[in-house]
Amino acid sequence: PVGSDPAPRPKRRTFTSEYKLRIVAEYDAAPRN
């Protein structure tokens, strides 16, 4: 049909607890800038 979107519906990203802890530690350790 006209106007149909052939692209698949985007998927919500999920994060593991290990990833979250690693990112928080990396963010806190990074210099301010």
Full PDB file with SEQRES, HELIX, SHEET, SSBOND, CRYST1, ORIGX, SCALE, CONECT and MASTER records, all heavy atoms in Angstrom:
SEQRES   1 A   33  PRO VAL GLY SER ASP PRO ALA PRO ARG PRO LYS ARG ARG          
SEQRES   2 A   33  THR PHE THR SER GLU TYR LYS LEU ARG ILE VAL ALA GLU          
SEQRES   3 A   33  TYR ASP ALA ALA PRO ARG ASN                                  
HELIX    1 AA1 SER A   17  ALA A   29  1                                  13    
CRYST1    1.000    1.000    1.000  90.00  90.00  90.00 P 1           1          
ORIGX1      1.000000  0.000000  0.000000        0.00000                         
ORIGX2      0.000000  1.000000  0.000000        0.00000                         
ORIGX3      0.000000  0.000000  1.000000        0.00000                         
SCALE1      1.000000  0.000000  0.000000        0.00000                         
SCALE2      0.000000  1.000000  0.000000        0.00000                         
SCALE3      0.000000  0.000000  1.000000        0.00000                         
ATOM      1  N   PRO A   1       0.833  -1.196   0.000  1.00  0.00           N  
ATOM      2  CA  PRO A   1       0.000   0.000   0.000  1.00  0.00           C  
ATOM      3  C   PRO A   1       0.875   1.256   0.000  1.00  0.00           C  
ATOM      4  O   PRO A   1       2.002   1.256   0.488  1.00  0.00           O  
ATOM      5  CB  PRO A   1      -0.814  -0.100   1.287  1.00  0.00           C  
ATOM      6  CG  PRO A   1      -0.242  -1.218   2.065  1.00  0.00           C  
ATOM      7  CD  PRO A   1       0.667  -1.991   1.187  1.00  0.00           C  
ATOM      8  N   VAL A   2       0.325   2.319  -0.554  1.00  0.00           N  
ATOM      9  CA  VAL A   2       1.048   3.582  -0.621  1.00  0.00           C  
ATOM     10  C   VAL A   2       1.267   4.098   0.797  1.00  0.00           C  
ATOM     11  O   VAL A   2       0.371   4.078   1.633  1.00  0.00           O  
ATOM     12  CB  VAL A   2       0.237   4.609  -1.447  1.00  0.00           C  
ATOM     13  CG1 VAL A   2       0.922   5.961  -1.444  1.00  0.00           C  
ATOM     14  CG2 VAL A   2       0.045   4.085  -2.851  1.00  0.00           C  
ATOM     15  N   GLY A   3       2.469   4.564   1.075  1.00  0.00           N  
ATOM     16  CA  GLY A   3       2.777   5.130   2.385  1.00  0.00           C  
ATOM     17  C   GLY A   3       3.205   4.116   3.419  1.00  0.00           C  
ATOM     18  O   GLY A   3       3.418   4.458   4.567  1.00  0.00           O  
ATOM     19  N   SER A   4       3.312   2.851   3.056  1.00  0.00           N  
ATOM     20  CA  SER A   4       3.760   1.870   4.037  1.00  0.00           C  
ATOM     21  C   SER A   4       5.263   2.023   4.247  1.00  0.00           C  
ATOM     22  O   SER A   4       6.001   2.352   3.332  1.00  0.00           O  
ATOM     23  CB  SER A   4       3.421   0.447   3.600  1.00  0.00           C  
ATOM     24  OG  SER A   4       4.197   0.100   2.482  1.00  0.00           O  
ATOM     25  N   ASP A   5       5.686   1.782   5.443  1.00  0.00           N  
ATOM     26  CA  ASP A   5       7.096   1.943   5.798  1.00  0.00           C  
ATOM     27  C   ASP A   5       7.782   0.585   5.735  1.00  0.00           C  
ATOM     28  O   ASP A   5       7.452  -0.310   6.511  1.00  0.00           O  
ATOM     29  CB  ASP A   5       7.216   2.537   7.201  1.00  0.00           C  
ATOM     30  CG  ASP A   5       8.632   2.901   7.564  1.00  0.00           C  
ATOM     31  OD1 ASP A   5       9.493   2.916   6.657  1.00  0.00           O  
ATOM     32  OD2 ASP A   5       8.887   3.182   8.740  1.00  0.00           O  
ATOM     33  N   PRO A   6       8.741   0.409   4.835  1.00  0.00           N  
ATOM     34  CA  PRO A   6       9.406  -0.894   4.721  1.00  0.00           C  
ATOM     35  C   PRO A   6      10.426  -1.137   5.832  1.00  0.00           C  
ATOM     36  O   PRO A   6      10.882  -2.250   6.013  1.00  0.00           O  
ATOM     37  CB  PRO A   6      10.097  -0.816   3.365  1.00  0.00           C  
ATOM     38  CG  PRO A   6      10.365   0.634   3.168  1.00  0.00           C  
ATOM     39  CD  PRO A   6       9.218   1.351   3.834  1.00  0.00           C  
ATOM     40  N   ALA A   7      10.780  -0.090   6.584  1.00  0.00           N  
ATOM     41  CA  ALA A   7      11.785  -0.245   7.636  1.00  0.00           C  
ATOM     42  C   ALA A   7      11.180  -0.991   8.825  1.00  0.00           C  
ATOM     43  O   ALA A   7      10.023  -0.778   9.179  1.00  0.00           O  
ATOM     44  CB  ALA A   7      12.293   1.116   8.099  1.00  0.00           C  
ATOM     45  N   PRO A   8      11.950  -1.874   9.460  1.00  0.00           N  
ATOM     46  CA  PRO A   8      11.429  -2.578  10.635  1.00  0.00           C  
ATOM     47  C   PRO A   8      11.274  -1.617  11.805  1.00  0.00           C  
ATOM     48  O   PRO A   8      11.930  -0.583  11.875  1.00  0.00           O  
ATOM     49  CB  PRO A   8      12.497  -3.629  10.927  1.00  0.00           C  
ATOM     50  CG  PRO A   8      13.742  -3.076  10.337  1.00  0.00           C  
ATOM     51  CD  PRO A   8      13.317  -2.266   9.148  1.00  0.00           C  
ATOM     52  N   ARG A   9      10.397  -1.965  12.705  1.00  0.00           N  
ATOM     53  CA  ARG A   9      10.157  -1.137  13.878  1.00  0.00           C  
ATOM     54  C   ARG A   9      11.400  -1.149  14.766  1.00  0.00           C  
ATOM     55  O   ARG A   9      11.973  -2.208  15.027  1.00  0.00           O  
ATOM     56  CB  ARG A   9       8.968  -1.694  14.641  1.00  0.00           C  
ATOM     57  CG  ARG A   9       8.553  -0.826  15.779  1.00  0.00           C  
ATOM     58  CD  ARG A   9       7.339  -1.399  16.459  1.00  0.00           C  
ATOM     59  NE  ARG A   9       7.053  -0.590  17.613  1.00  0.00           N  
ATOM     60  CZ  ARG A   9       5.869  -0.121  17.911  1.00  0.00           C  
ATOM     61  NH1 ARG A   9       4.858  -0.407  17.152  1.00  0.00           N  
ATOM     62  NH2 ARG A   9       5.693   0.610  18.979  1.00  0.00           N  
ATOM     63  N   PRO A  10      11.839   0.016  15.255  1.00  0.00           N  
ATOM     64  CA  PRO A  10      13.046   0.049  16.085  1.00  0.00           C  
ATOM     65  C   PRO A  10      12.835  -0.692  17.405  1.00  0.00           C  
ATOM     66  O   PRO A  10      11.736  -0.743  17.938  1.00  0.00           O  
ATOM     67  CB  PRO A  10      13.286   1.534  16.335  1.00  0.00           C  
ATOM     68  CG  PRO A  10      12.061   2.223  15.918  1.00  0.00           C  
ATOM     69  CD  PRO A  10      11.268   1.316  15.044  1.00  0.00           C  
ATOM     70  N   LYS A  11      13.912  -1.270  17.909  1.00  0.00           N  
ATOM     71  CA  LYS A  11      13.875  -2.027  19.149  1.00  0.00           C  
ATOM     72  C   LYS A  11      14.448  -1.187  20.280  1.00  0.00           C  
ATOM     73  O   LYS A  11      15.420  -0.466  20.099  1.00  0.00           O  
ATOM     74  CB  LYS A  11      14.729  -3.289  18.997  1.00  0.00           C  
ATOM     75  CG  LYS A  11      14.016  -4.557  19.302  1.00  0.00           C  
ATOM     76  CD  LYS A  11      14.920  -5.728  19.075  1.00  0.00           C  
ATOM     77  CE  LYS A  11      14.915  -6.596  20.300  1.00  0.00           C  
ATOM     78  NZ  LYS A  11      15.738  -7.759  20.177  1.00  0.00           N  
ATOM     79  N   ARG A  12      13.851  -1.275  21.450  1.00  0.00           N  
ATOM     80  CA  ARG A  12      14.336  -0.545  22.623  1.00  0.00           C  
ATOM     81  C   ARG A  12      15.633  -1.184  23.098  1.00  0.00           C  
ATOM     82  O   ARG A  12      15.754  -2.395  23.173  1.00  0.00           O  
ATOM     83  CB  ARG A  12      13.302  -0.627  23.733  1.00  0.00           C  
ATOM     84  CG  ARG A  12      13.684   0.143  24.972  1.00  0.00           C  
ATOM     85  CD  ARG A  12      12.618   0.021  26.031  1.00  0.00           C  
ATOM     86  NE  ARG A  12      11.384   0.650  25.649  1.00  0.00           N  
ATOM     87  CZ  ARG A  12      11.047   1.885  25.990  1.00  0.00           C  
ATOM     88  NH1 ARG A  12      11.858   2.603  26.712  1.00  0.00           N  
ATOM     89  NH2 ARG A  12       9.897   2.389  25.604  1.00  0.00           N  
ATOM     90  N   ARG A  13      16.604  -0.335  23.411  1.00  0.00           N  
ATOM     91  CA  ARG A  13      17.878  -0.858  23.906  1.00  0.00           C  
ATOM     92  C   ARG A  13      17.726  -1.323  25.344  1.00  0.00           C  
ATOM     93  O   ARG A  13      16.990  -0.727  26.122  1.00  0.00           O  
ATOM     94  CB  ARG A  13      18.954   0.231  23.864  1.00  0.00           C  
ATOM     95  CG  ARG A  13      19.360   0.578  22.491  1.00  0.00           C  
ATOM     96  CD  ARG A  13      20.550   1.488  22.390  1.00  0.00           C  
ATOM     97  NE  ARG A  13      20.911   2.219  23.570  1.00  0.00           N  
ATOM     98  CZ  ARG A  13      21.971   3.019  23.664  1.00  0.00           C  
ATOM     99  NH1 ARG A  13      22.754   3.183  22.637  1.00  0.00           N  
ATOM    100  NH2 ARG A  13      22.240   3.650  24.761  1.00  0.00           N  
ATOM    101  N   THR A  14      18.411  -2.382  25.689  1.00  0.00           N  
ATOM    102  CA  THR A  14      18.432  -2.855  27.070  1.00  0.00           C  
ATOM    103  C   THR A  14      19.885  -2.906  27.528  1.00  0.00           C  
ATOM    104  O   THR A  14      20.790  -3.099  26.722  1.00  0.00           O  
ATOM    105  CB  THR A  14      17.804  -4.252  27.200  1.00  0.00           C  
ATOM    106  OG1 THR A  14      18.492  -5.152  26.340  1.00  0.00           O  
ATOM    107  CG2 THR A  14      16.334  -4.230  26.817  1.00  0.00           C  
ATOM    108  N   PHE A  15      20.080  -2.707  28.806  1.00  0.00           N  
ATOM    109  CA  PHE A  15      21.419  -2.657  29.367  1.00  0.00           C  
ATOM    110  C   PHE A  15      21.524  -3.651  30.514  1.00  0.00           C  
ATOM    111  O   PHE A  15      20.632  -3.719  31.357  1.00  0.00           O  
ATOM    112  CB  PHE A  15      21.726  -1.249  29.898  1.00  0.00           C  
ATOM    113  CG  PHE A  15      21.499  -0.162  28.895  1.00  0.00           C  
ATOM    114  CD1 PHE A  15      20.371   0.636  28.957  1.00  0.00           C  
ATOM    115  CD2 PHE A  15      22.406   0.062  27.879  1.00  0.00           C  
ATOM    116  CE1 PHE A  15      20.151   1.640  28.034  1.00  0.00           C  
ATOM    117  CE2 PHE A  15      22.196   1.064  26.944  1.00  0.00           C  
ATOM    118  CZ  PHE A  15      21.068   1.856  27.018  1.00  0.00           C  
ATOM    119  N   THR A  16      22.610  -4.391  30.560  1.00  0.00           N  
ATOM    120  CA  THR A  16      22.833  -5.319  31.665  1.00  0.00           C  
ATOM    121  C   THR A  16      23.319  -4.536  32.876  1.00  0.00           C  
ATOM    122  O   THR A  16      23.831  -3.419  32.752  1.00  0.00           O  
ATOM    123  CB  THR A  16      23.879  -6.379  31.295  1.00  0.00           C  
ATOM    124  OG1 THR A  16      25.135  -5.724  31.084  1.00  0.00           O  
ATOM    125  CG2 THR A  16      23.478  -7.146  30.039  1.00  0.00           C  
ATOM    126  N   SER A  17      23.188  -5.123  34.043  1.00  0.00           N  
ATOM    127  CA  SER A  17      23.640  -4.434  35.253  1.00  0.00           C  
ATOM    128  C   SER A  17      25.157  -4.251  35.229  1.00  0.00           C  
ATOM    129  O   SER A  17      25.668  -3.235  35.704  1.00  0.00           O  
ATOM    130  CB  SER A  17      23.197  -5.184  36.501  1.00  0.00           C  
ATOM    131  OG  SER A  17      23.657  -6.514  36.463  1.00  0.00           O  
ATOM    132  N   GLU A  18      25.883  -5.201  34.648  1.00  0.00           N  
ATOM    133  CA  GLU A  18      27.343  -5.063  34.548  1.00  0.00           C  
ATOM    134  C   GLU A  18      27.710  -3.868  33.674  1.00  0.00           C  
ATOM    135  O   GLU A  18      28.616  -3.103  34.000  1.00  0.00           O  
ATOM    136  CB  GLU A  18      27.979  -6.337  33.967  1.00  0.00           C  
ATOM    137  CG  GLU A  18      27.878  -7.552  34.858  1.00  0.00           C  
ATOM    138  CD  GLU A  18      26.515  -8.248  34.769  1.00  0.00           C  
ATOM    139  OE1 GLU A  18      25.767  -8.010  33.794  1.00  0.00           O  
ATOM    140  OE2 GLU A  18      26.201  -9.016  35.686  1.00  0.00           O  
ATOM    141  N   TYR A  19      27.001  -3.709  32.566  1.00  0.00           N  
ATOM    142  CA  TYR A  19      27.247  -2.577  31.675  1.00  0.00           C  
ATOM    143  C   TYR A  19      26.978  -1.263  32.402  1.00  0.00           C  
ATOM    144  O   TYR A  19      27.757  -0.318  32.324  1.00  0.00           O  
ATOM    145  CB  TYR A  19      26.362  -2.697  30.433  1.00  0.00           C  
ATOM    146  CG  TYR A  19      26.429  -1.503  29.509  1.00  0.00           C  
ATOM    147  CD1 TYR A  19      27.466  -1.370  28.593  1.00  0.00           C  
ATOM    148  CD2 TYR A  19      25.465  -0.505  29.552  1.00  0.00           C  
ATOM    149  CE1 TYR A  19      27.541  -0.288  27.746  1.00  0.00           C  
ATOM    150  CE2 TYR A  19      25.527   0.583  28.715  1.00  0.00           C  
ATOM    151  CZ  TYR A  19      26.560   0.695  27.810  1.00  0.00           C  
ATOM    152  OH  TYR A  19      26.639   1.781  26.980  1.00  0.00           O  
ATOM    153  N   LYS A  20      25.855  -1.201  33.122  1.00  0.00           N  
ATOM    154  CA  LYS A  20      25.488   0.018  33.845  1.00  0.00           C  
ATOM    155  C   LYS A  20      26.556   0.382  34.868  1.00  0.00           C  
ATOM    156  O   LYS A  20      26.970   1.547  34.963  1.00  0.00           O  
ATOM    157  CB  LYS A  20      24.139  -0.162  34.535  1.00  0.00           C  
ATOM    158  CG  LYS A  20      22.989  -0.289  33.562  1.00  0.00           C  
ATOM    159  CD  LYS A  20      21.698  -0.599  34.299  1.00  0.00           C  
ATOM    160  CE  LYS A  20      20.549  -0.808  33.357  1.00  0.00           C  
ATOM    161  NZ  LYS A  20      19.292  -1.101  34.042  1.00  0.00           N  
ATOM    162  N   LEU A  21      27.030  -0.622  35.633  1.00  0.00           N  
ATOM    163  CA  LEU A  21      28.053  -0.354  36.639  1.00  0.00           C  
ATOM    164  C   LEU A  21      29.363   0.092  35.992  1.00  0.00           C  
ATOM    165  O   LEU A  21      30.039   1.007  36.484  1.00  0.00           O  
ATOM    166  CB  LEU A  21      28.283  -1.601  37.496  1.00  0.00           C  
ATOM    167  CG  LEU A  21      27.129  -1.982  38.426  1.00  0.00           C  
ATOM    168  CD1 LEU A  21      27.398  -3.327  39.075  1.00  0.00           C  
ATOM    169  CD2 LEU A  21      26.912  -0.911  39.480  1.00  0.00           C  
ATOM    170  N   ARG A  22      29.707  -0.522  34.868  1.00  0.00           N  
ATOM    171  CA  ARG A  22      30.943  -0.153  34.170  1.00  0.00           C  
ATOM    172  C   ARG A  22      30.871   1.281  33.653  1.00  0.00           C  
ATOM    173  O   ARG A  22      31.822   2.055  33.805  1.00  0.00           O  
ATOM    174  CB  ARG A  22      31.197  -1.117  33.005  1.00  0.00           C  
ATOM    175  CG  ARG A  22      32.502  -0.845  32.263  1.00  0.00           C  
ATOM    176  CD  ARG A  22      32.760  -1.851  31.154  1.00  0.00           C  
ATOM    177  NE  ARG A  22      31.727  -1.921  30.145  1.00  0.00           N  
ATOM    178  CZ  ARG A  22      31.628  -1.075  29.107  1.00  0.00           C  
ATOM    179  NH1 ARG A  22      32.491  -0.104  28.957  1.00  0.00           N  
ATOM    180  NH2 ARG A  22      30.661  -1.227  28.221  1.00  0.00           N  
ATOM    181  N   ILE A  23      29.742   1.666  33.080  1.00  0.00           N  
ATOM    182  CA  ILE A  23      29.589   3.012  32.538  1.00  0.00           C  
ATOM    183  C   ILE A  23      29.600   4.046  33.655  1.00  0.00           C  
ATOM    184  O   ILE A  23      30.225   5.108  33.535  1.00  0.00           O  
ATOM    185  CB  ILE A  23      28.305   3.114  31.693  1.00  0.00           C  
ATOM    186  CG1 ILE A  23      28.429   2.247  30.449  1.00  0.00           C  
ATOM    187  CG2 ILE A  23      27.996   4.559  31.315  1.00  0.00           C  
ATOM    188  CD1 ILE A  23      29.577   2.624  29.525  1.00  0.00           C  
ATOM    189  N   VAL A  24      28.935   3.773  34.762  1.00  0.00           N  
ATOM    190  CA  VAL A  24      28.936   4.720  35.886  1.00  0.00           C  
ATOM    191  C   VAL A  24      30.356   4.914  36.406  1.00  0.00           C  
ATOM    192  O   VAL A  24      30.789   6.043  36.651  1.00  0.00           O  
ATOM    193  CB  VAL A  24      27.988   4.245  37.009  1.00  0.00           C  
ATOM    194  CG1 VAL A  24      28.184   5.052  38.279  1.00  0.00           C  
ATOM    195  CG2 VAL A  24      26.544   4.322  36.546  1.00  0.00           C  
ATOM    196  N   ALA A  25      31.100   3.822  36.546  1.00  0.00           N  
ATOM    197  CA  ALA A  25      32.478   3.926  37.021  1.00  0.00           C  
ATOM    198  C   ALA A  25      33.333   4.701  36.024  1.00  0.00           C  
ATOM    199  O   ALA A  25      34.138   5.568  36.420  1.00  0.00           O  
ATOM    200  CB  ALA A  25      33.061   2.533  37.250  1.00  0.00           C  
ATOM    201  N   GLU A  26      33.169   4.425  34.746  1.00  0.00           N  
ATOM    202  CA  GLU A  26      33.950   5.134  33.716  1.00  0.00           C  
ATOM    203  C   GLU A  26      33.584   6.610  33.678  1.00  0.00           C  
ATOM    204  O   GLU A  26      34.453   7.474  33.569  1.00  0.00           O  
ATOM    205  CB  GLU A  26      33.686   4.496  32.357  1.00  0.00           C  
ATOM    206  CG  GLU A  26      34.511   5.080  31.230  1.00  0.00           C  
ATOM    207  CD  GLU A  26      34.262   4.378  29.903  1.00  0.00           C  
ATOM    208  OE1 GLU A  26      33.630   3.311  29.885  1.00  0.00           O  
ATOM    209  OE2 GLU A  26      34.726   4.927  28.883  1.00  0.00           O  
ATOM    210  N   TYR A  27      32.308   6.917  33.809  1.00  0.00           N  
ATOM    211  CA  TYR A  27      31.849   8.309  33.796  1.00  0.00           C  
ATOM    212  C   TYR A  27      32.392   9.059  35.005  1.00  0.00           C  
ATOM    213  O   TYR A  27      32.868  10.190  34.889  1.00  0.00           O  
ATOM    214  CB  TYR A  27      30.325   8.347  33.779  1.00  0.00           C  
ATOM    215  CG  TYR A  27      29.741   9.738  33.703  1.00  0.00           C  
ATOM    216  CD1 TYR A  27      29.597  10.379  32.481  1.00  0.00           C  
ATOM    217  CD2 TYR A  27      29.323  10.404  34.851  1.00  0.00           C  
ATOM    218  CE1 TYR A  27      29.062  11.647  32.398  1.00  0.00           C  
ATOM    219  CE2 TYR A  27      28.783  11.675  34.779  1.00  0.00           C  
ATOM    220  CZ  TYR A  27      28.655  12.300  33.551  1.00  0.00           C  
ATOM    221  OH  TYR A  27      28.120  13.562  33.481  1.00  0.00           O  
ATOM    222  N   ASP A  28      32.343   8.435  36.177  1.00  0.00           N  
ATOM    223  CA  ASP A  28      32.836   9.080  37.394  1.00  0.00           C  
ATOM    224  C   ASP A  28      34.345   9.283  37.354  1.00  0.00           C  
ATOM    225  O   ASP A  28      34.859  10.265  37.907  1.00  0.00           O  
ATOM    226  CB  ASP A  28      32.447   8.259  38.630  1.00  0.00           C  
ATOM    227  CG  ASP A  28      30.952   8.321  38.904  1.00  0.00           C  
ATOM    228  OD1 ASP A  28      30.284   9.233  38.367  1.00  0.00           O  
ATOM    229  OD2 ASP A  28      30.450   7.445  39.644  1.00  0.00           O  
ATOM    230  N   ALA A  29      35.068   8.371  36.707  1.00  0.00           N  
ATOM    231  CA  ALA A  29      36.524   8.461  36.650  1.00  0.00           C  
ATOM    232  C   ALA A  29      37.005   9.432  35.569  1.00  0.00           C  
ATOM    233  O   ALA A  29      38.149   9.894  35.616  1.00  0.00           O  
ATOM    234  CB  ALA A  29      37.129   7.080  36.391  1.00  0.00           C  
ATOM    235  N   ALA A  30      36.143   9.769  34.620  1.00  0.00           N  
ATOM    236  CA  ALA A  30      36.550  10.649  33.522  1.00  0.00           C  
ATOM    237  C   ALA A  30      36.751  12.074  34.034  1.00  0.00           C  
ATOM    238  O   ALA A  30      36.025  12.533  34.917  1.00  0.00           O  
ATOM    239  CB  ALA A  30      35.487  10.636  32.425  1.00  0.00           C  
ATOM    240  N   PRO A  31      37.759  12.778  33.484  1.00  0.00           N  
ATOM    241  CA  PRO A  31      37.923  14.190  33.842  1.00  0.00           C  
ATOM    242  C   PRO A  31      36.680  14.984  33.449  1.00  0.00           C  
ATOM    243  O   PRO A  31      35.908  14.567  32.573  1.00  0.00           O  
ATOM    244  CB  PRO A  31      39.133  14.630  33.010  1.00  0.00           C  
ATOM    245  CG  PRO A  31      39.818  13.383  32.613  1.00  0.00           C  
ATOM    246  CD  PRO A  31      38.781  12.310  32.582  1.00  0.00           C  
ATOM    247  N   ARG A  32      36.506  16.114  34.073  1.00  0.00           N  
ATOM    248  CA  ARG A  32      35.295  16.917  33.899  1.00  0.00           C  
ATOM    249  C   ARG A  32      34.985  17.212  32.425  1.00  0.00           C  
ATOM    250  O   ARG A  32      33.846  17.159  31.998  1.00  0.00           O  
ATOM    251  CB  ARG A  32      35.420  18.214  34.690  1.00  0.00           C  
ATOM    252  CG  ARG A  32      34.191  19.083  34.635  1.00  0.00           C  
ATOM    253  CD  ARG A  32      34.347  20.286  35.550  1.00  0.00           C  
ATOM    254  NE  ARG A  32      33.266  21.219  35.392  1.00  0.00           N  
ATOM    255  CZ  ARG A  32      32.106  21.148  36.024  1.00  0.00           C  
ATOM    256  NH1 ARG A  32      31.893  20.147  36.854  1.00  0.00           N  
ATOM    257  NH2 ARG A  32      31.182  22.049  35.836  1.00  0.00           N  
ATOM    258  N   ASN A  33      35.996  17.517  31.638  1.00  0.00           N  
ATOM    259  CA  ASN A  33      35.750  17.895  30.249  1.00  0.00           C  
ATOM    260  C   ASN A  33      35.610  16.691  29.304  1.00  0.00           C  
ATOM    261  O   ASN A  33      35.427  16.876  28.113  1.00  0.00           O  
ATOM    262  CB  ASN A  33      36.854  18.826  29.749  1.00  0.00           C  
ATOM    263  CG  ASN A  33      38.228  18.193  29.838  1.00  0.00           C  
ATOM    264  OD1 ASN A  33      38.380  17.120  30.414  1.00  0.00           O  
ATOM    265  ND2 ASN A  33      39.220  18.857  29.273  1.00  0.00           N  
TER     266      ASN A  33                                                      
MASTER        0    0    0    1    0    0    0    6  265    1    0    3          
END                                                                             
